Amino acid sequence: MFLIEVIPVLLALFFLLLMIRDDWREREVKAWHMAYFAFALNAFFIRQIGIKLWLDQLLLNELIVAIYLITIIGYLLVKRLPWRQLFQSYFGLGDVLFLVALAPCFAPQFWLGVTITCFISAAILHLLFRKNENDTVPFVSYGGIVAILAFCVQYYIQTYGA
């Protein structure tokens, strides 16, 4: 029974670490790493919380991701920048898919904190560690580190109650 619960977590962690490495080095995430990460992680959470709660979290948290994207696109339109530039220069498709993959794994109130922490920590860490002025933000790398910490916090709260 223990192995059934640990294997998806270890697989998800393995593919997350591969994504962090690729994003840090090449500023791109391989689609199959993302797919395996999302499958393993969500299989674990479906088993833990049940399909109904997982679907509820999926719908609410994906709505939050959509609101983030609409807000960013609105900002670009107000600044009179082409909204397509969002996915060409600022935010990659891998970053969006990373948020989509993580979304059903957190309760909505915790998801807000996780995403905001991901965005803020990505900005701060990028300013500290960027190599040159034109570097893009490796959001999956920084967001992945925050996600690992968030999973640990969530596990601690669920296990020991805080």
Protein backbone atom coordinates (compact mmCIF):
# COMPACT_ATOMS: atom_id res chain seq x y z
CA MET A 1 0.00 0.00 0.00
CA PHE A 2 2.83 2.38 0.87
CA LEU A 3 4.51 1.85 -2.52
CA ILE A 4 1.31 2.65 -4.39
CA GLU A 5 1.27 6.08 -2.74
CA VAL A 6 5.00 6.79 -2.92
CA ILE A 7 5.70 5.84 -6.55
CA PRO A 8 3.55 8.62 -8.13
CA VAL A 9 5.10 11.19 -5.80
CA LEU A 10 8.63 10.08 -6.65
CA LEU A 11 7.82 10.06 -10.38
CA ALA A 12 6.30 13.54 -10.17
CA LEU A 13 9.32 14.81 -8.24
CA PHE A 14 11.71 13.22 -10.76
CA PHE A 15 9.98 14.86 -13.72
CA LEU A 16 9.67 18.16 -11.87
CA LEU A 17 13.43 18.13 -11.26
CA LEU A 18 14.01 17.39 -14.97
CA MET A 19 11.74 20.32 -15.88
CA ILE A 20 13.55 22.62 -13.44
CA ARG A 21 16.91 21.61 -14.95
CA ASP A 22 15.73 22.10 -18.55
CA ASP A 23 14.02 25.40 -17.79
CA TRP A 24 17.10 26.71 -16.00
CA ARG A 25 19.53 25.64 -18.75
CA GLU A 26 17.54 26.05 -21.95
CA ARG A 27 14.51 28.18 -20.94
CA GLU A 28 12.19 25.51 -22.29
CA VAL A 29 10.34 22.56 -20.83
CA LYS A 30 9.94 19.32 -22.72
CA ALA A 31 6.29 18.45 -23.31
CA TRP A 32 6.67 14.82 -22.32
CA HIS A 33 8.31 15.79 -19.00
CA MET A 34 5.33 18.04 -18.33
CA ALA A 35 2.85 15.33 -19.30
CA TYR A 36 4.42 12.70 -17.05
CA PHE A 37 4.71 15.20 -14.20
CA ALA A 38 1.05 16.19 -14.50
CA PHE A 39 -0.14 12.58 -14.79
CA ALA A 40 1.86 11.29 -11.80
CA LEU A 41 1.04 14.24 -9.58
CA ASN A 42 -2.66 14.27 -10.36
CA ALA A 43 -2.93 10.47 -10.07
CA PHE A 44 -1.54 10.80 -6.54
CA PHE A 45 -3.98 13.57 -5.61
CA ILE A 46 -6.99 11.81 -7.12
CA ARG A 47 -6.13 8.80 -4.97
CA GLN A 48 -5.67 10.99 -1.88
CA ILE A 49 -8.70 13.28 -2.06
CA GLY A 50 -11.09 11.54 -4.46
CA ILE A 51 -12.23 12.43 -7.92
CA LYS A 52 -15.09 14.75 -6.88
CA LEU A 53 -12.97 17.05 -4.72
CA TRP A 54 -10.18 16.90 -7.32
CA LEU A 55 -12.61 18.04 -10.04
CA ASP A 56 -13.93 20.84 -7.81
CA GLN A 57 -10.37 22.05 -7.17
CA LEU A 58 -9.55 21.71 -10.86
CA LEU A 59 -12.45 23.93 -11.93
CA LEU A 60 -11.91 26.62 -9.29
CA ASN A 61 -8.15 26.79 -9.64
CA GLU A 62 -8.20 26.79 -13.44
CA LEU A 63 -10.63 29.71 -13.19
CA ILE A 64 -8.03 31.51 -11.08
CA VAL A 65 -5.35 30.79 -13.72
CA ALA A 66 -7.70 32.14 -16.41
CA ILE A 67 -8.27 35.31 -14.36
CA TYR A 68 -4.48 35.78 -14.06
CA LEU A 69 -4.05 35.44 -17.82
CA ILE A 70 -6.96 37.77 -18.61
CA THR A 71 -5.56 40.35 -16.20
CA ILE A 72 -2.10 40.19 -17.78
CA ILE A 73 -3.56 40.41 -21.30
CA GLY A 74 -5.70 43.38 -20.16
CA TYR A 75 -2.59 45.08 -18.81
CA LEU A 76 -0.79 44.57 -22.13
CA LEU A 77 -3.77 45.98 -24.02
CA VAL A 78 -3.89 49.06 -21.78
CA LYS A 79 -0.16 49.57 -22.39
CA ARG A 80 -0.92 49.20 -26.10
CA LEU A 81 1.33 46.18 -26.46
CA PRO A 82 0.24 43.25 -28.62
CA TRP A 83 -1.24 40.60 -26.33
CA ARG A 84 0.46 37.87 -28.38
CA GLN A 85 3.72 39.26 -27.08
CA LEU A 86 2.77 37.77 -23.71
CA PHE A 87 3.51 34.25 -24.97
CA GLN A 88 6.43 35.28 -27.16
CA SER A 89 8.43 37.40 -24.76
CA TYR A 90 7.14 37.17 -21.22
CA PHE A 91 5.29 33.99 -20.39
CA GLY A 92 5.90 30.71 -22.20
CA LEU A 93 3.37 28.02 -22.93
CA GLY A 94 5.30 25.71 -20.60
CA ASP A 95 4.71 28.17 -17.76
CA VAL A 96 0.96 28.14 -18.39
CA LEU A 97 0.88 24.34 -18.64
CA PHE A 98 2.86 24.12 -15.40
CA LEU A 99 0.20 26.17 -13.60
CA VAL A 100 -2.55 24.07 -15.21
CA ALA A 101 -0.84 20.85 -14.06
CA LEU A 102 -0.43 22.09 -10.48
CA ALA A 103 -3.87 23.66 -10.11
CA PRO A 104 -5.98 20.65 -9.07
CA CYS A 105 -3.48 19.63 -6.39
CA PHE A 106 -4.25 22.46 -3.97
CA ALA A 107 -7.33 23.74 -2.19
CA PRO A 108 -8.41 27.03 -3.84
CA GLN A 109 -7.49 29.24 -0.87
CA PHE A 110 -4.04 27.61 -0.69
CA TRP A 111 -3.69 27.82 -4.50
CA LEU A 112 -3.96 31.61 -4.40
CA GLY A 113 -1.06 31.77 -1.95
CA VAL A 114 1.01 29.27 -3.94
CA THR A 115 0.63 31.10 -7.25
CA ILE A 116 1.25 34.54 -5.78
CA THR A 117 4.33 33.18 -3.98
CA CYS A 118 5.50 31.58 -7.25
CA PHE A 119 5.18 34.88 -9.13
CA ILE A 120 6.87 36.99 -6.46
CA SER A 121 9.69 34.52 -5.79
CA ALA A 122 10.28 34.08 -9.54
CA ALA A 123 10.65 37.85 -9.94
CA ILE A 124 12.97 38.22 -6.95
CA LEU A 125 15.12 35.18 -7.75
CA HIS A 126 15.35 36.20 -11.39
CA LEU A 127 16.64 39.63 -10.40
CA LEU A 128 19.22 38.00 -8.12
CA PHE A 129 20.44 35.24 -10.46
CA ARG A 130 19.98 36.47 -14.02
CA LYS A 131 23.02 36.34 -16.23
CA ASN A 132 22.21 39.30 -18.47
CA GLU A 133 19.54 41.93 -18.94
CA ASN A 134 17.67 40.06 -21.69
CA ASP A 135 17.24 36.76 -19.86
CA THR A 136 13.71 35.45 -19.64
CA VAL A 137 12.37 34.29 -16.29
CA PRO A 138 12.68 30.52 -15.77
CA PHE A 139 9.25 30.39 -14.13
CA VAL A 140 8.97 26.60 -14.07
CA SER A 141 12.30 26.44 -12.20
CA TYR A 142 11.39 28.95 -9.53
CA GLY A 143 7.75 27.88 -9.44
CA GLY A 144 8.84 24.25 -9.12
CA ILE A 145 10.92 25.04 -6.06
CA VAL A 146 7.98 26.90 -4.50
CA ALA A 147 5.66 24.01 -5.42
CA ILE A 148 7.91 21.50 -3.65
CA LEU A 149 7.88 23.67 -0.53
CA ALA A 150 4.09 24.14 -0.82
CA PHE A 151 3.56 20.37 -1.09
CA CYS A 152 5.64 19.89 2.06
CA VAL A 153 3.63 22.55 3.92
CA GLN A 154 0.34 21.06 2.71
CA TYR A 155 1.44 17.56 3.73
CA TYR A 156 2.51 18.81 7.17
CA ILE A 157 -0.82 20.61 7.71
CA GLN A 158 -2.84 17.56 6.60
CA THR A 159 -0.74 15.11 8.63
CA TYR A 160 -0.16 17.02 11.86
CA GLY A 161 -2.87 19.69 11.71
CA ALA A 162 -1.70 23.21 12.21
